[in-house]
């Protein structure tokens, strides 16, 4: 066995904290923009409450996809383990 297989991985807490903090900040902006965008579109085109909720789900799913991609890229740049 090589040395890397025997030694436990160490967590870089500073990197984890940086990525989590950025994800909270960016997540608040992304999900706020998703709600505002769905509300604006539904109101502008007078789509009604049901369609507004459907737009909420679509926009929030897009926001979740953006956040997953952000965290994946952040982990590549700021590795969580050594």
N, C-alpha and C. Protein backbone atom coordinates (compact mmCIF):
# COMPACT_ATOMS: atom_id res chain seq x y z
N UNK A 1 0.83 -1.20 0.00
CA UNK A 1 0.00 0.00 0.00
C UNK A 1 0.86 1.24 0.00
N UNK A 2 0.40 2.24 -0.67
CA UNK A 2 1.14 3.49 -0.64
C UNK A 2 0.72 4.33 0.57
N UNK A 3 1.43 5.39 0.81
CA UNK A 3 1.21 6.20 2.02
C UNK A 3 -0.15 6.91 1.99
N UNK A 4 -0.63 7.28 0.82
CA UNK A 4 -1.90 8.00 0.76
C UNK A 4 -3.08 7.10 1.11
N UNK A 5 -2.97 5.81 0.88
CA UNK A 5 -4.06 4.89 1.21
C UNK A 5 -4.15 4.65 2.71
N UNK A 6 -3.03 4.76 3.42
CA UNK A 6 -3.02 4.50 4.86
C UNK A 6 -3.36 5.71 5.70
N UNK A 7 -2.96 6.89 5.28
CA UNK A 7 -3.17 8.08 6.11
C UNK A 7 -4.59 8.62 5.92
N UNK A 8 -5.20 9.06 7.02
CA UNK A 8 -6.56 9.61 6.89
C UNK A 8 -6.51 10.96 6.19
N UNK A 9 -7.61 11.28 5.54
CA UNK A 9 -7.70 12.58 4.87
C UNK A 9 -7.98 13.66 5.90
N UNK A 10 -7.34 14.80 5.72
CA UNK A 10 -7.55 15.94 6.61
C UNK A 10 -8.50 16.92 5.96
N UNK A 11 -9.42 17.46 6.74
CA UNK A 11 -10.38 18.42 6.23
C UNK A 11 -9.81 19.83 6.38
N UNK A 12 -9.88 20.61 5.31
CA UNK A 12 -9.45 22.00 5.33
C UNK A 12 -10.67 22.84 5.73
N UNK A 13 -10.79 23.13 7.01
CA UNK A 13 -11.98 23.81 7.51
C UNK A 13 -12.11 25.23 6.99
N UNK A 14 -11.00 25.88 6.73
CA UNK A 14 -11.05 27.24 6.18
C UNK A 14 -11.68 27.22 4.78
N UNK A 15 -11.31 26.25 3.97
CA UNK A 15 -11.90 26.13 2.63
C UNK A 15 -13.39 25.79 2.71
N UNK A 16 -13.74 24.89 3.62
CA UNK A 16 -15.15 24.52 3.80
C UNK A 16 -15.95 25.74 4.23
N UNK A 17 -15.44 26.48 5.18
CA UNK A 17 -16.14 27.67 5.66
C UNK A 17 -16.27 28.72 4.56
N UNK A 18 -15.25 28.89 3.75
CA UNK A 18 -15.30 29.85 2.66
C UNK A 18 -16.38 29.48 1.65
N UNK A 19 -16.41 28.21 1.26
CA UNK A 19 -17.39 27.76 0.26
C UNK A 19 -18.81 27.83 0.82
N UNK A 20 -19.01 27.43 2.07
CA UNK A 20 -20.34 27.48 2.67
C UNK A 20 -20.81 28.92 2.80
N UNK A 21 -19.94 29.80 3.22
CA UNK A 21 -20.31 31.21 3.34
C UNK A 21 -20.69 31.81 2.00
N UNK A 22 -19.90 31.52 0.98
CA UNK A 22 -20.21 32.04 -0.36
C UNK A 22 -21.51 31.42 -0.88
N UNK A 23 -21.74 30.14 -0.60
CA UNK A 23 -22.97 29.49 -1.05
C UNK A 23 -24.19 30.10 -0.39
N UNK A 24 -24.10 30.47 0.88
CA UNK A 24 -25.22 31.12 1.56
C UNK A 24 -25.50 32.48 0.93
N UNK A 25 -24.48 33.25 0.70
CA UNK A 25 -24.65 34.58 0.10
C UNK A 25 -25.21 34.48 -1.31
N UNK A 26 -24.61 33.66 -2.14
CA UNK A 26 -25.05 33.54 -3.53
C UNK A 26 -26.42 32.87 -3.59
N UNK A 27 -26.67 31.89 -2.71
CA UNK A 27 -27.97 31.23 -2.68
C UNK A 27 -29.10 32.18 -2.36
N UNK A 28 -28.87 33.09 -1.42
CA UNK A 28 -29.90 34.08 -1.09
C UNK A 28 -30.21 34.95 -2.31
N UNK A 29 -29.20 35.32 -3.05
CA UNK A 29 -29.41 36.14 -4.24
C UNK A 29 -30.11 35.36 -5.35
N UNK A 30 -29.67 34.13 -5.56
CA UNK A 30 -30.24 33.32 -6.64
C UNK A 30 -31.70 33.00 -6.37
N UNK A 31 -32.02 32.55 -5.14
CA UNK A 31 -33.40 32.18 -4.85
C UNK A 31 -34.30 33.41 -4.72
N UNK A 32 -33.75 34.51 -4.24
CA UNK A 32 -34.52 35.76 -4.24
C UNK A 32 -34.85 36.21 -5.65
N UNK A 33 -33.88 36.12 -6.54
CA UNK A 33 -34.12 36.49 -7.94
C UNK A 33 -35.11 35.53 -8.60
N UNK A 34 -35.08 34.26 -8.23
CA UNK A 34 -36.02 33.28 -8.79
C UNK A 34 -37.45 33.62 -8.39
N UNK A 35 -37.66 33.91 -7.10
CA UNK A 35 -39.01 34.27 -6.65
C UNK A 35 -39.46 35.58 -7.29
N UNK A 36 -38.58 36.57 -7.33
CA UNK A 36 -38.95 37.86 -7.91
C UNK A 36 -39.24 37.73 -9.40
N UNK A 37 -38.45 36.94 -10.09
CA UNK A 37 -38.67 36.76 -11.52
C UNK A 37 -39.97 36.05 -11.83
N UNK A 38 -40.28 35.00 -11.08
CA UNK A 38 -41.53 34.28 -11.32
C UNK A 38 -42.73 35.16 -10.98
N UNK A 39 -42.63 35.92 -9.91
CA UNK A 39 -43.72 36.84 -9.54
C UNK A 39 -43.91 37.91 -10.62
N UNK A 40 -42.80 38.47 -11.10
CA UNK A 40 -42.87 39.53 -12.11
C UNK A 40 -43.48 39.03 -13.41
N UNK A 41 -43.05 37.86 -13.85
CA UNK A 41 -43.59 37.32 -15.10
C UNK A 41 -45.07 36.98 -14.95
N UNK A 42 -45.44 36.35 -13.84
CA UNK A 42 -46.85 35.99 -13.63
C UNK A 42 -47.73 37.24 -13.53
N UNK A 43 -47.23 38.28 -12.91
CA UNK A 43 -48.01 39.51 -12.78
C UNK A 43 -48.08 40.26 -14.11
N UNK A 44 -46.97 40.32 -14.81
CA UNK A 44 -46.92 41.05 -16.08
C UNK A 44 -47.91 40.47 -17.09
N UNK A 45 -47.95 39.16 -17.18
CA UNK A 45 -48.81 38.52 -18.16
C UNK A 45 -50.15 38.06 -17.58
N UNK A 46 -50.43 38.45 -16.32
CA UNK A 46 -51.68 38.11 -15.63
C UNK A 46 -51.99 36.62 -15.75
N UNK A 47 -51.04 35.79 -15.30
CA UNK A 47 -51.15 34.34 -15.47
C UNK A 47 -51.94 33.65 -14.36
N UNK A 48 -52.16 34.31 -13.25
CA UNK A 48 -52.93 33.69 -12.17
C UNK A 48 -52.04 32.99 -11.16
N UNK A 49 -52.67 32.59 -10.06
CA UNK A 49 -51.93 32.00 -8.95
C UNK A 49 -51.32 30.64 -9.24
N UNK A 50 -52.04 29.80 -9.94
CA UNK A 50 -51.54 28.45 -10.22
C UNK A 50 -50.31 28.49 -11.10
N UNK A 51 -50.36 29.27 -12.15
CA UNK A 51 -49.21 29.37 -13.06
C UNK A 51 -48.04 30.05 -12.36
N UNK A 52 -48.34 30.98 -11.46
CA UNK A 52 -47.26 31.63 -10.70
C UNK A 52 -46.52 30.61 -9.85
N UNK A 53 -47.24 29.66 -9.25
CA UNK A 53 -46.58 28.62 -8.45
C UNK A 53 -45.77 27.69 -9.33
N UNK A 54 -46.28 27.40 -10.52
CA UNK A 54 -45.52 26.56 -11.46
C UNK A 54 -44.23 27.27 -11.86
N UNK A 55 -44.33 28.57 -12.12
CA UNK A 55 -43.12 29.34 -12.44
C UNK A 55 -42.16 29.37 -11.26
N UNK A 56 -42.70 29.46 -10.03
CA UNK A 56 -41.85 29.40 -8.84
C UNK A 56 -41.03 28.11 -8.83
N UNK A 57 -41.70 27.00 -9.08
CA UNK A 57 -41.02 25.70 -9.06
C UNK A 57 -39.95 25.63 -10.15
N UNK A 58 -40.29 26.09 -11.34
CA UNK A 58 -39.33 26.06 -12.45
C UNK A 58 -38.12 26.93 -12.15
N UNK A 59 -38.36 28.15 -11.69
CA UNK A 59 -37.26 29.06 -11.40
C UNK A 59 -36.42 28.57 -10.21
N UNK A 60 -37.07 28.00 -9.19
CA UNK A 60 -36.32 27.49 -8.05
C UNK A 60 -35.50 26.27 -8.43
N UNK A 61 -36.01 25.43 -9.31
CA UNK A 61 -35.22 24.29 -9.79
C UNK A 61 -33.99 24.77 -10.55
N UNK A 62 -34.17 25.82 -11.35
CA UNK A 62 -33.02 26.39 -12.05
C UNK A 62 -32.02 26.98 -11.06
N UNK A 63 -32.53 27.63 -10.01
CA UNK A 63 -31.66 28.17 -8.97
C UNK A 63 -30.90 27.08 -8.24
N UNK A 64 -31.57 25.97 -7.96
CA UNK A 64 -30.90 24.85 -7.29
C UNK A 64 -29.81 24.26 -8.18
N UNK A 65 -30.07 24.17 -9.48
CA UNK A 65 -29.05 23.68 -10.40
C UNK A 65 -27.84 24.62 -10.43
N UNK A 66 -28.10 25.91 -10.40
CA UNK A 66 -27.01 26.89 -10.37
C UNK A 66 -26.18 26.73 -9.09
N UNK A 67 -26.86 26.53 -7.96
CA UNK A 67 -26.15 26.38 -6.69
C UNK A 67 -25.33 25.10 -6.65
N UNK A 68 -25.86 24.01 -7.17
CA UNK A 68 -25.10 22.75 -7.21
C UNK A 68 -23.84 22.93 -8.06
N UNK A 69 -24.00 23.57 -9.20
CA UNK A 69 -22.84 23.81 -10.06
C UNK A 69 -21.82 24.72 -9.38
N UNK A 70 -22.30 25.73 -8.66
CA UNK A 70 -21.39 26.63 -7.95
C UNK A 70 -20.57 25.86 -6.90
N UNK A 71 -21.24 25.03 -6.11
CA UNK A 71 -20.52 24.30 -5.05
C UNK A 71 -19.53 23.31 -5.66
N UNK A 72 -19.91 22.66 -6.75
CA UNK A 72 -18.98 21.74 -7.42
C UNK A 72 -17.72 22.47 -7.89
N UNK A 73 -17.91 23.61 -8.53
CA UNK A 73 -16.75 24.38 -9.00
C UNK A 73 -15.94 24.93 -7.85
N UNK A 74 -16.61 25.35 -6.78
CA UNK A 74 -15.89 25.88 -5.62
C UNK A 74 -15.07 24.79 -4.95
N UNK A 75 -15.60 23.57 -4.90
CA UNK A 75 -14.83 22.46 -4.30
C UNK A 75 -13.60 22.14 -5.11
N UNK A 76 -13.68 22.32 -6.43
CA UNK A 76 -12.52 22.07 -7.27
C UNK A 76 -11.44 23.11 -7.04
N UNK A 77 -11.84 24.36 -6.82
CA UNK A 77 -10.89 25.44 -6.61
C UNK A 77 -10.39 25.46 -5.17
N UNK A 78 -11.29 25.25 -4.21
CA UNK A 78 -10.95 25.22 -2.77
C UNK A 78 -11.21 23.80 -2.27
N UNK A 79 -10.26 22.89 -2.40
CA UNK A 79 -10.50 21.49 -2.01
C UNK A 79 -10.82 21.36 -0.51
N UNK A 80 -11.80 20.51 -0.20
CA UNK A 80 -12.21 20.31 1.18
C UNK A 80 -11.27 19.38 1.94
N UNK A 81 -10.63 18.47 1.25
CA UNK A 81 -9.73 17.53 1.92
C UNK A 81 -8.36 17.58 1.30
N UNK A 82 -7.41 17.07 2.06
CA UNK A 82 -6.00 17.04 1.63
C UNK A 82 -5.66 15.66 1.17
